[in-house]
Amino acid sequence: MKKIMLIIGFVCFQNFFAQNIMDLDLKNVELQGMRPAKINKEMKDIGITQIPFVTDNPDVISRIEEKEVGSSVKKLYAYIYNNGERGDGGVIIIEFKTKDDLDAYLSKIFEQPNYRVLVKDLFFIRVWSDYSLHVEGKETSEDHLNKLEKYYTKLGAKKIQLKPNDAIVTEVTDSVAK
């Protein structure tokens, strides 16, 4: 009887302290020059129905992320901003089923200049900004990234450095005439 009570207590303890993806919801964060994205046809076609968006549907997850990732994901959260033109930004959080699933995903992705990656428990957090307005006194993409990164580090996430993407490295040549 004591063993059963210990097991029940342990399960309850784990459930009480288990992180919920909505604990990482992007609340009250404003990105200057951006507003929450309106749902367009492309978003509807892949299954995004509102902002913020949360799903545990593997088919929808496979349309947002790579197809082979869908089966290893427990839940996906997205909060997308845009500026009505080409600039966008926001966060995508993927809750993986196991640490091995998260590690496998991390081993396949590369560092990019327009986003940062953070990890908390089984949560992969990608913040990004393609907001390219460079007006004095206005926020830039870098400012947006810093703000989003700070928000998630305050929630306990840790920034990680991904492997460099050698495919986008360009060769620099000396163009000075001899």
Protein backbone atom coordinates (compact mmCIF):
# COMPACT_ATOMS: atom_id res chain seq x y z
CA MET A 1 0.00 0.00 0.00
CA LYS A 2 2.87 2.38 0.82
CA LYS A 3 4.44 1.75 -2.59
CA ILE A 4 1.19 2.61 -4.35
CA MET A 5 0.84 5.81 -2.32
CA LEU A 6 4.46 6.75 -3.13
CA ILE A 7 3.88 6.17 -6.84
CA ILE A 8 0.66 8.20 -6.80
CA GLY A 9 2.41 10.96 -4.85
CA PHE A 10 5.34 11.00 -7.28
CA VAL A 11 3.04 11.22 -10.33
CA CYS A 12 1.05 14.04 -8.71
CA PHE A 13 4.28 15.85 -7.80
CA GLN A 14 5.55 15.56 -11.39
CA ASN A 15 2.27 16.78 -12.84
CA PHE A 16 2.15 19.70 -10.41
CA PHE A 17 5.62 20.88 -11.40
CA ALA A 18 5.44 19.94 -15.09
CA GLN A 19 5.95 22.90 -17.39
CA ASN A 20 3.01 23.80 -19.61
CA ILE A 21 3.71 25.33 -23.02
CA MET A 22 1.34 28.20 -22.17
CA ASP A 23 3.62 29.13 -19.25
CA LEU A 24 5.90 30.38 -22.06
CA ASP A 25 3.17 32.42 -23.78
CA LEU A 26 4.49 35.71 -25.15
CA LYS A 27 2.53 38.07 -22.90
CA ASN A 28 2.65 41.87 -23.09
CA VAL A 29 5.69 42.03 -25.37
CA GLU A 30 5.59 44.74 -28.00
CA LEU A 31 7.94 44.85 -30.96
CA GLN A 32 8.07 48.42 -32.23
CA GLY A 33 6.81 48.64 -35.81
CA MET A 34 5.12 45.23 -35.60
CA ARG A 35 1.69 43.97 -34.58
CA PRO A 36 0.24 40.50 -34.10
CA ALA A 37 -0.16 38.91 -37.53
CA LYS A 38 -3.58 38.62 -39.09
CA ILE A 39 -4.44 35.12 -40.23
CA ASN A 40 -3.95 34.94 -43.99
CA LYS A 41 -4.76 32.18 -46.49
CA GLU A 42 -1.29 30.62 -46.28
CA MET A 43 -1.58 30.38 -42.48
CA LYS A 44 -5.10 28.92 -42.70
CA ASP A 45 -3.90 26.36 -45.26
CA ILE A 46 -1.32 24.96 -42.85
CA GLY A 47 -3.73 25.00 -39.91
CA ILE A 48 -2.92 28.23 -38.03
CA THR A 49 -6.28 29.59 -36.94
CA GLN A 50 -5.43 32.29 -34.40
CA ILE A 51 -2.57 34.21 -32.77
CA PRO A 52 -1.26 32.98 -30.40
CA PHE A 53 -1.56 29.51 -31.86
CA VAL A 54 -1.19 26.19 -30.01
CA THR A 55 -1.59 22.69 -31.41
CA ASP A 56 -0.81 19.10 -30.58
CA ASN A 57 -2.01 17.88 -34.00
CA PRO A 58 0.92 16.03 -35.69
CA ASP A 59 -0.40 16.83 -39.19
CA VAL A 60 -0.46 20.58 -38.51
CA ILE A 61 2.93 20.44 -36.77
CA SER A 62 4.38 18.61 -39.80
CA ARG A 63 3.15 21.41 -42.07
CA ILE A 64 4.78 24.08 -39.89
CA GLU A 65 8.01 22.22 -39.15
CA GLU A 66 9.78 19.47 -41.09
CA LYS A 67 7.59 16.43 -41.71
CA GLU A 68 9.80 13.99 -39.78
CA VAL A 69 9.72 16.25 -36.68
CA GLY A 70 5.93 15.99 -36.22
CA SER A 71 5.95 12.59 -34.56
CA SER A 72 8.49 13.66 -31.91
CA VAL A 73 6.58 16.80 -30.91
CA LYS A 74 4.09 16.92 -28.07
CA LYS A 75 2.87 20.49 -28.70
CA LEU A 76 3.71 23.57 -30.80
CA TYR A 77 3.07 27.23 -29.92
CA ALA A 78 3.47 30.23 -32.24
CA TYR A 79 3.08 33.96 -31.79
CA ILE A 80 3.76 35.77 -35.04
CA TYR A 81 4.10 39.52 -35.62
CA ASN A 82 4.31 41.43 -38.89
CA ASN A 83 4.44 44.99 -40.10
CA GLY A 84 1.94 44.63 -42.94
CA GLU A 85 4.73 44.40 -45.49
CA ARG A 86 7.51 41.85 -45.71
CA GLY A 87 8.86 42.07 -42.18
CA ASP A 88 7.83 39.53 -39.60
CA GLY A 89 9.01 38.14 -36.29
CA GLY A 90 7.88 36.32 -33.21
CA VAL A 91 8.38 33.00 -31.49
CA ILE A 92 7.81 29.34 -32.18
CA ILE A 93 8.03 26.97 -29.24
CA ILE A 94 8.20 23.25 -29.78
CA GLU A 95 7.63 20.92 -26.83
CA PHE A 96 9.36 17.63 -27.60
CA LYS A 97 8.26 14.30 -26.15
CA THR A 98 11.75 13.35 -24.93
CA LYS A 99 15.18 14.91 -24.36
CA ASP A 100 16.55 12.65 -27.11
CA ASP A 101 13.98 14.07 -29.57
CA LEU A 102 15.01 17.64 -28.65
CA ASP A 103 18.72 16.82 -28.96
CA ALA A 104 18.19 15.14 -32.35
CA TYR A 105 16.36 18.23 -33.61
CA LEU A 106 19.05 20.58 -32.29
CA SER A 107 21.76 18.55 -34.05
CA LYS A 108 20.07 19.11 -37.43
CA ILE A 109 19.55 22.88 -37.36
CA PHE A 110 21.98 25.71 -38.02
CA GLU A 111 22.71 29.15 -36.64
CA GLN A 112 21.03 32.00 -38.55
CA PRO A 113 21.55 35.76 -38.12
CA ASN A 114 17.82 36.58 -37.97
CA TYR A 115 16.94 34.30 -35.04
CA ARG A 116 18.07 33.00 -31.70
CA VAL A 117 17.43 29.67 -30.08
CA LEU A 118 16.77 29.03 -26.42
CA VAL A 119 15.99 25.81 -24.56
CA LYS A 120 14.07 25.17 -21.36
CA ASP A 121 13.49 21.60 -20.26
CA LEU A 122 11.92 19.88 -23.31
CA PHE A 123 11.04 23.20 -24.99
CA PHE A 124 12.84 24.48 -28.08
CA ILE A 125 12.27 28.24 -28.37
CA ARG A 126 13.08 30.06 -31.62
CA VAL A 127 12.69 33.85 -31.62
CA TRP A 128 13.15 35.66 -34.90
CA SER A 129 12.84 39.05 -36.51
CA ASP A 130 13.09 40.03 -40.15
CA TYR A 131 12.19 43.62 -39.40
CA SER A 132 14.74 45.52 -41.48
CA LEU A 133 13.73 49.11 -40.74
CA HIS A 134 16.82 51.07 -39.73
CA VAL A 135 15.53 54.47 -38.69
CA GLU A 136 17.30 56.38 -35.95
CA GLY A 137 15.33 56.14 -32.72
CA LYS A 138 13.38 53.07 -33.91
CA GLU A 139 13.89 49.44 -32.95
CA THR A 140 15.76 47.16 -35.35
CA SER A 141 15.66 43.39 -35.82
CA GLU A 142 18.53 43.14 -33.32
CA ASP A 143 16.50 45.11 -30.76
CA HIS A 144 13.55 42.76 -31.30
CA LEU A 145 15.77 39.70 -30.86
CA ASN A 146 17.29 41.13 -27.67
CA LYS A 147 13.82 41.89 -26.25
CA LEU A 148 12.47 38.41 -27.06
CA GLU A 149 15.60 36.67 -25.76
CA LYS A 150 15.44 38.65 -22.50
CA TYR A 151 11.75 37.73 -22.08
CA TYR A 152 12.50 34.01 -22.31
CA THR A 153 15.68 34.07 -20.23
CA LYS A 154 13.62 35.67 -17.43
CA LEU A 155 11.34 32.62 -17.70
CA GLY A 156 14.35 30.33 -17.20
CA ALA A 157 15.32 29.50 -20.79
CA LYS A 158 18.96 29.38 -21.80
CA LYS A 159 20.32 30.65 -25.11
CA ILE A 160 22.22 28.04 -27.07
CA GLN A 161 24.65 28.39 -29.93
CA LEU A 162 23.91 26.19 -32.91
CA LYS A 163 26.46 24.92 -35.39
CA PRO A 164 27.33 27.41 -38.16
CA ASN A 165 25.67 27.00 -41.54
CA ASP A 166 28.64 26.61 -43.88
CA ALA A 167 26.31 26.66 -46.90
CA ILE A 168 25.74 30.40 -46.48
CA VAL A 169 29.36 31.38 -45.96
CA THR A 170 30.68 33.30 -48.92
CA GLU A 171 34.28 33.60 -49.97
CA VAL A 172 35.78 37.05 -49.61
CA THR A 173 38.32 37.96 -52.25
CA ASP A 174 40.77 40.78 -52.51
CA SER A 175 39.45 43.04 -55.24
CA VAL A 176 42.33 45.52 -55.14
CA ALA A 177 44.10 45.68 -58.50
CA LYS A 178 47.77 44.83 -58.43
